[in-house]
Every structure is written in structure tokens, then in C-alpha cells.
PDB file of all heavy atoms in Angstrom:
ATOM      1  N   LYS A   1       0.832  -1.204   0.000  1.00  0.00           N
ATOM      2  CA  LYS A   1       0.000   0.000   0.000  1.00  0.00           C
ATOM      3  C   LYS A   1       0.868   1.256   0.000  1.00  0.00           C
ATOM      4  O   LYS A   1       1.996   1.255   0.483  1.00  0.00           O
ATOM      5  CB  LYS A   1      -0.916   0.003   1.233  1.00  0.00           C
ATOM      6  CG  LYS A   1      -1.900  -1.156   1.267  1.00  0.00           C
ATOM      7  CD  LYS A   1      -2.710  -1.130   2.551  1.00  0.00           C
ATOM      8  CE  LYS A   1      -3.649  -2.326   2.637  1.00  0.00           C
ATOM      9  NZ  LYS A   1      -4.411  -2.345   3.901  1.00  0.00           N
ATOM     10  N   TRP A   2       0.289   2.324  -0.550  1.00  0.00           N
ATOM     11  CA  TRP A   2       0.955   3.626  -0.588  1.00  0.00           C
ATOM     12  C   TRP A   2       0.167   4.606   0.277  1.00  0.00           C
ATOM     13  O   TRP A   2      -1.060   4.634   0.229  1.00  0.00           O
ATOM     14  CB  TRP A   2       1.038   4.162  -2.020  1.00  0.00           C
ATOM     15  CG  TRP A   2       1.947   3.378  -2.913  1.00  0.00           C
ATOM     16  CD1 TRP A   2       1.622   2.275  -3.649  1.00  0.00           C
ATOM     17  CD2 TRP A   2       3.332   3.636  -3.183  1.00  0.00           C
ATOM     18  NE1 TRP A   2       2.705   1.820  -4.350  1.00  0.00           N
ATOM     19  CE2 TRP A   2       3.778   2.646  -4.095  1.00  0.00           C
ATOM     20  CE3 TRP A   2       4.240   4.607  -2.766  1.00  0.00           C
ATOM     21  CZ2 TRP A   2       5.076   2.598  -4.576  1.00  0.00           C
ATOM     22  CZ3 TRP A   2       5.539   4.556  -3.236  1.00  0.00           C
ATOM     23  CH2 TRP A   2       5.948   3.567  -4.132  1.00  0.00           C
ATOM     24  N   TYR A   3       0.906   5.410   1.043  1.00  0.00           N
ATOM     25  CA  TYR A   3       0.272   6.420   1.892  1.00  0.00           C
ATOM     26  C   TYR A   3       0.989   7.754   1.718  1.00  0.00           C
ATOM     27  O   TYR A   3       2.189   7.795   1.425  1.00  0.00           O
ATOM     28  CB  TYR A   3       0.320   6.012   3.365  1.00  0.00           C
ATOM     29  CG  TYR A   3      -0.648   4.911   3.737  1.00  0.00           C
ATOM     30  CD1 TYR A   3      -0.271   3.570   3.659  1.00  0.00           C
ATOM     31  CD2 TYR A   3      -1.933   5.209   4.165  1.00  0.00           C
ATOM     32  CE1 TYR A   3      -1.158   2.556   3.991  1.00  0.00           C
ATOM     33  CE2 TYR A   3      -2.822   4.198   4.508  1.00  0.00           C
ATOM     34  CZ  TYR A   3      -2.433   2.883   4.415  1.00  0.00           C
ATOM     35  OH  TYR A   3      -3.309   1.882   4.741  1.00  0.00           O
ATOM     36  N   ALA A   4       0.218   8.826   1.908  1.00  0.00           N
ATOM     37  CA  ALA A   4       0.783  10.176   1.906  1.00  0.00           C
ATOM     38  C   ALA A   4       0.632  10.779   3.292  1.00  0.00           C
ATOM     39  O   ALA A   4      -0.477  10.782   3.843  1.00  0.00           O
ATOM     40  CB  ALA A   4       0.082  11.044   0.870  1.00  0.00           C
ATOM     41  N   PHE A   5       1.728  11.277   3.852  1.00  0.00           N
ATOM     42  CA  PHE A   5       1.708  11.949   5.149  1.00  0.00           C
ATOM     43  C   PHE A   5       1.738  13.455   4.884  1.00  0.00           C
ATOM     44  O   PHE A   5       2.760  13.990   4.444  1.00  0.00           O
ATOM     45  CB  PHE A   5       2.886  11.505   6.004  1.00  0.00           C
ATOM     46  CG  PHE A   5       2.815  10.058   6.417  1.00  0.00           C
ATOM     47  CD1 PHE A   5       3.268   9.051   5.577  1.00  0.00           C
ATOM     48  CD2 PHE A   5       2.277   9.700   7.640  1.00  0.00           C
ATOM     49  CE1 PHE A   5       3.198   7.722   5.939  1.00  0.00           C
ATOM     50  CE2 PHE A   5       2.199   8.368   8.022  1.00  0.00           C
ATOM     51  CZ  PHE A   5       2.663   7.375   7.165  1.00  0.00           C
ATOM     52  N   VAL A   6       0.615  14.095   5.126  1.00  0.00           N
ATOM     53  CA  VAL A   6       0.427  15.509   4.789  1.00  0.00           C
ATOM     54  C   VAL A   6       0.616  16.355   6.046  1.00  0.00           C
ATOM     55  O   VAL A   6      -0.110  16.173   7.035  1.00  0.00           O
ATOM     56  CB  VAL A   6      -0.973  15.742   4.182  1.00  0.00           C
ATOM     57  CG1 VAL A   6      -1.171  17.212   3.827  1.00  0.00           C
ATOM     58  CG2 VAL A   6      -1.175  14.866   2.940  1.00  0.00           C
ATOM     59  N   VAL A   7       1.587  17.263   6.008  1.00  0.00           N
ATOM     60  CA  VAL A   7       1.850  18.155   7.138  1.00  0.00           C
ATOM     61  C   VAL A   7       1.113  19.461   6.903  1.00  0.00           C
ATOM     62  O   VAL A   7       1.348  20.161   5.918  1.00  0.00           O
ATOM     63  CB  VAL A   7       3.361  18.414   7.302  1.00  0.00           C
ATOM     64  CG1 VAL A   7       3.610  19.367   8.473  1.00  0.00           C
ATOM     65  CG2 VAL A   7       4.115  17.108   7.512  1.00  0.00           C
ATOM     66  N   GLU A   8       0.201  19.779   7.830  1.00  0.00           N
ATOM     67  CA  GLU A   8      -0.669  20.946   7.697  1.00  0.00           C
ATOM     68  C   GLU A   8      -0.304  21.984   8.749  1.00  0.00           C
ATOM     69  O   GLU A   8      -0.074  21.659   9.911  1.00  0.00           O
ATOM     70  CB  GLU A   8      -2.122  20.489   7.847  1.00  0.00           C
ATOM     71  CG  GLU A   8      -3.147  21.594   7.779  1.00  0.00           C
ATOM     72  CD  GLU A   8      -4.540  21.090   8.137  1.00  0.00           C
ATOM     73  OE1 GLU A   8      -4.653  19.958   8.666  1.00  0.00           O
ATOM     74  OE2 GLU A   8      -5.502  21.833   7.904  1.00  0.00           O
ATOM     75  N   ASP A   9      -0.279  23.245   8.341  1.00  0.00           N
ATOM     76  CA  ASP A   9       0.044  24.348   9.243  1.00  0.00           C
ATOM     77  C   ASP A   9      -1.020  25.429   9.104  1.00  0.00           C
ATOM     78  O   ASP A   9      -1.768  25.469   8.135  1.00  0.00           O
ATOM     79  CB  ASP A   9       1.427  24.924   8.921  1.00  0.00           C
ATOM     80  CG  ASP A   9       1.939  25.832  10.025  1.00  0.00           C
ATOM     81  OD1 ASP A   9       1.382  25.789  11.129  1.00  0.00           O
ATOM     82  OD2 ASP A   9       2.904  26.587   9.787  1.00  0.00           O
ATOM     83  N   GLY A  10      -1.054  26.329  10.090  1.00  0.00           N
ATOM     84  CA  GLY A  10      -1.976  27.454  10.024  1.00  0.00           C
ATOM     85  C   GLY A  10      -3.357  27.152  10.555  1.00  0.00           C
ATOM     86  O   GLY A  10      -4.311  27.879  10.272  1.00  0.00           O
ATOM     87  N   ILE A  11      -3.509  26.061  11.340  1.00  0.00           N
ATOM     88  CA  ILE A  11      -4.803  25.704  11.908  1.00  0.00           C
ATOM     89  C   ILE A  11      -4.941  26.347  13.289  1.00  0.00           C
ATOM     90  O   ILE A  11      -4.068  26.221  14.143  1.00  0.00           O
ATOM     91  CB  ILE A  11      -4.955  24.175  12.027  1.00  0.00           C
ATOM     92  CG1 ILE A  11      -4.973  23.552  10.638  1.00  0.00           C
ATOM     93  CG2 ILE A  11      -6.221  23.809  12.781  1.00  0.00           C
ATOM     94  CD1 ILE A  11      -6.179  23.938   9.816  1.00  0.00           C
ATOM     95  N   LYS A  12      -6.068  27.029  13.509  1.00  0.00           N
ATOM     96  CA  LYS A  12      -6.366  27.593  14.815  1.00  0.00           C
ATOM     97  C   LYS A  12      -7.097  26.539  15.638  1.00  0.00           C
ATOM     98  O   LYS A  12      -8.240  26.189  15.359  1.00  0.00           O
ATOM     99  CB  LYS A  12      -7.221  28.854  14.675  1.00  0.00           C
ATOM    100  CG  LYS A  12      -6.485  30.021  14.034  1.00  0.00           C
ATOM    101  CD  LYS A  12      -7.357  31.266  13.995  1.00  0.00           C
ATOM    102  CE  LYS A  12      -6.600  32.437  13.381  1.00  0.00           C
ATOM    103  NZ  LYS A  12      -7.451  33.658  13.316  1.00  0.00           N
ATOM    104  N   LEU A  13      -6.409  26.025  16.624  1.00  0.00           N
ATOM    105  CA  LEU A  13      -6.977  24.966  17.456  1.00  0.00           C
ATOM    106  C   LEU A  13      -7.844  25.563  18.552  1.00  0.00           C
ATOM    107  O   LEU A  13      -7.512  26.592  19.144  1.00  0.00           O
ATOM    108  CB  LEU A  13      -5.856  24.132  18.072  1.00  0.00           C
ATOM    109  CG  LEU A  13      -4.938  23.437  17.063  1.00  0.00           C
ATOM    110  CD1 LEU A  13      -3.714  22.888  17.762  1.00  0.00           C
ATOM    111  CD2 LEU A  13      -5.670  22.323  16.339  1.00  0.00           C
ATOM    112  N   GLN A  14      -8.974  24.911  18.801  1.00  0.00           N
ATOM    113  CA  GLN A  14      -9.886  25.372  19.831  1.00  0.00           C
ATOM    114  C   GLN A  14      -9.358  24.992  21.207  1.00  0.00           C
ATOM    115  O   GLN A  14      -9.181  23.814  21.509  1.00  0.00           O
ATOM    116  CB  GLN A  14     -11.276  24.773  19.609  1.00  0.00           C
ATOM    117  CG  GLN A  14     -12.328  25.329  20.548  1.00  0.00           C
ATOM    118  CD  GLN A  14     -13.704  24.765  20.238  1.00  0.00           C
ATOM    119  OE1 GLN A  14     -13.849  23.947  19.335  1.00  0.00           O
ATOM    120  NE2 GLN A  14     -14.706  25.204  20.976  1.00  0.00           N
ATOM    121  N   LYS A  15      -9.082  26.008  22.025  1.00  0.00           N
ATOM    122  CA  LYS A  15      -8.530  25.767  23.350  1.00  0.00           C
ATOM    123  C   LYS A  15      -9.658  25.596  24.372  1.00  0.00           C
ATOM    124  O   LYS A  15     -10.707  26.229  24.270  1.00  0.00           O
ATOM    125  CB  LYS A  15      -7.623  26.929  23.773  1.00  0.00           C
ATOM    126  CG  LYS A  15      -6.488  27.222  22.806  1.00  0.00           C
ATOM    127  CD  LYS A  15      -5.474  26.099  22.758  1.00  0.00           C
ATOM    128  CE  LYS A  15      -4.299  26.453  21.853  1.00  0.00           C
ATOM    129  NZ  LYS A  15      -3.293  25.384  21.794  1.00  0.00           N
ATOM    130  N   THR A  16      -9.440  24.722  25.339  1.00  0.00           N
ATOM    131  CA  THR A  16     -10.420  24.512  26.390  1.00  0.00           C
ATOM    132  C   THR A  16      -9.886  25.072  27.701  1.00  0.00           C
ATOM    133  O   THR A  16      -8.682  25.184  27.905  1.00  0.00           O
ATOM    134  CB  THR A  16     -10.707  23.006  26.573  1.00  0.00           C
ATOM    135  OG1 THR A  16      -9.496  22.342  26.964  1.00  0.00           O
ATOM    136  CG2 THR A  16     -11.227  22.396  25.289  1.00  0.00           C
ATOM    137  N   SER A  17     -10.805  25.437  28.570  1.00  0.00           N
ATOM    138  CA  SER A  17     -10.418  25.972  29.885  1.00  0.00           C
ATOM    139  C   SER A  17     -10.653  24.931  30.976  1.00  0.00           C
ATOM    140  O   SER A  17     -10.996  25.266  32.104  1.00  0.00           O
ATOM    141  CB  SER A  17     -11.228  27.243  30.178  1.00  0.00           C
ATOM    142  OG  SER A  17     -12.624  26.964  30.103  1.00  0.00           O
ATOM    143  N   ASN A  18     -10.488  23.674  30.624  1.00  0.00           N
ATOM    144  CA  ASN A  18     -10.707  22.579  31.568  1.00  0.00           C
ATOM    145  C   ASN A  18      -9.550  22.529  32.567  1.00  0.00           C
ATOM    146  O   ASN A  18      -8.389  22.436  32.185  1.00  0.00           O
ATOM    147  CB  ASN A  18     -10.800  21.259  30.797  1.00  0.00           C
ATOM    148  CG  ASN A  18     -11.361  20.134  31.639  1.00  0.00           C
ATOM    149  OD1 ASN A  18     -11.327  20.187  32.865  1.00  0.00           O
ATOM    150  ND2 ASN A  18     -11.882  19.118  30.979  1.00  0.00           N
ATOM    151  N   SER A  19      -9.874  22.598  33.859  1.00  0.00           N
ATOM    152  CA  SER A  19      -8.827  22.567  34.892  1.00  0.00           C
ATOM    153  C   SER A  19      -8.855  21.267  35.696  1.00  0.00           C
ATOM    154  O   SER A  19      -8.233  21.188  36.759  1.00  0.00           O
ATOM    155  CB  SER A  19      -8.985  23.762  35.835  1.00  0.00           C
ATOM    156  OG  SER A  19     -10.246  23.721  36.488  1.00  0.00           O
ATOM    157  N   ASN A  20      -9.568  20.255  35.212  1.00  0.00           N
ATOM    158  CA  ASN A  20      -9.607  18.970  35.910  1.00  0.00           C
ATOM    159  C   ASN A  20      -8.236  18.302  35.855  1.00  0.00           C
ATOM    160  O   ASN A  20      -7.559  18.338  34.838  1.00  0.00           O
ATOM    161  CB  ASN A  20     -10.648  18.043  35.282  1.00  0.00           C
ATOM    162  CG  ASN A  20     -12.059  18.579  35.454  1.00  0.00           C
ATOM    163  OD1 ASN A  20     -12.345  19.300  36.406  1.00  0.00           O
ATOM    164  ND2 ASN A  20     -12.945  18.249  34.537  1.00  0.00           N
ATOM    165  N   VAL A  21      -7.864  17.684  36.963  1.00  0.00           N
ATOM    166  CA  VAL A  21      -6.568  17.002  37.062  1.00  0.00           C
ATOM    167  C   VAL A  21      -6.817  15.511  37.267  1.00  0.00           C
ATOM    168  O   VAL A  21      -7.700  15.118  38.039  1.00  0.00           O
ATOM    169  CB  VAL A  21      -5.728  17.562  38.231  1.00  0.00           C
ATOM    170  CG1 VAL A  21      -4.366  16.883  38.287  1.00  0.00           C
ATOM    171  CG2 VAL A  21      -5.563  19.075  38.086  1.00  0.00           C
ATOM    172  N   VAL A  22      -6.035  14.682  36.576  1.00  0.00           N
ATOM    173  CA  VAL A  22      -6.152  13.238  36.726  1.00  0.00           C
ATOM    174  C   VAL A  22      -4.757  12.625  36.806  1.00  0.00           C
ATOM    175  O   VAL A  22      -3.832  13.067  36.125  1.00  0.00           O
ATOM    176  CB  VAL A  22      -6.957  12.612  35.556  1.00  0.00           C
ATOM    177  CG1 VAL A  22      -6.225  12.771  34.238  1.00  0.00           C
ATOM    178  CG2 VAL A  22      -7.279  11.152  35.820  1.00  0.00           C
ATOM    179  N   GLY A  23      -4.609  11.651  37.680  1.00  0.00           N
ATOM    180  CA  GLY A  23      -3.369  10.890  37.758  1.00  0.00           C
ATOM    181  C   GLY A  23      -3.572   9.529  37.116  1.00  0.00           C
ATOM    182  O   GLY A  23      -4.621   8.893  37.310  1.00  0.00           O
ATOM    183  N   ILE A  24      -2.599   9.075  36.347  1.00  0.00           N
ATOM    184  CA  ILE A  24      -2.728   7.820  35.594  1.00  0.00           C
ATOM    185  C   ILE A  24      -1.571   6.898  35.927  1.00  0.00           C
ATOM    186  O   ILE A  24      -0.403   7.290  35.822  1.00  0.00           O
ATOM    187  CB  ILE A  24      -2.779   8.095  34.078  1.00  0.00           C
ATOM    188  CG1 ILE A  24      -4.047   8.868  33.719  1.00  0.00           C
ATOM    189  CG2 ILE A  24      -2.716   6.795  33.286  1.00  0.00           C
ATOM    190  CD1 ILE A  24      -4.160   9.241  32.254  1.00  0.00           C
ATOM    191  N   ASP A  25      -1.911   5.679  36.310  1.00  0.00           N
ATOM    192  CA  ASP A  25      -0.919   4.639  36.551  1.00  0.00           C
ATOM    193  C   ASP A  25      -0.944   3.676  35.363  1.00  0.00           C
ATOM    194  O   ASP A  25      -1.998   3.117  35.028  1.00  0.00           O
ATOM    195  CB  ASP A  25      -1.232   3.889  37.849  1.00  0.00           C
ATOM    196  CG  ASP A  25      -0.243   2.760  38.111  1.00  0.00           C
ATOM    197  OD1 ASP A  25       0.914   3.063  38.446  1.00  0.00           O
ATOM    198  OD2 ASP A  25      -0.630   1.581  37.964  1.00  0.00           O
ATOM    199  N   LEU A  26       0.197   3.492  34.723  1.00  0.00           N
ATOM    200  CA  LEU A  26       0.305   2.606  33.567  1.00  0.00           C
ATOM    201  C   LEU A  26       0.738   1.216  34.011  1.00  0.00           C
ATOM    202  O   LEU A  26       1.572   1.074  34.904  1.00  0.00           O
ATOM    203  CB  LEU A  26       1.315   3.162  32.557  1.00  0.00           C
ATOM    204  CG  LEU A  26       0.982   4.524  31.938  1.00  0.00           C
ATOM    205  CD1 LEU A  26       2.145   5.007  31.077  1.00  0.00           C
ATOM    206  CD2 LEU A  26      -0.285   4.459  31.103  1.00  0.00           C
ATOM    207  N   GLY A  27       0.172   0.194  33.370  1.00  0.00           N
ATOM    208  CA  GLY A  27       0.527  -1.180  33.712  1.00  0.00           C
ATOM    209  C   GLY A  27       0.308  -2.113  32.541  1.00  0.00           C
ATOM    210  O   GLY A  27      -0.013  -1.678  31.432  1.00  0.00           O
TER     211      GLY A  27
END
């Protein structure tokens, strides 16, 4: 298979004001 990896710039990302904190244990 053939794939194209397209790098895009100039996007205004929507920022959130979420202040919730979570701790994560990986296993």
C-alpha cells in the first residue's frame, strides 16, 4: 500500500479551559 503523510500548518486549534486534574498509573 501507498500512503501520503500531509503536514498541515496554520490551523487555529480550539482551546479549552478545563482545569480537571487526573493521575494515571500505567501497567
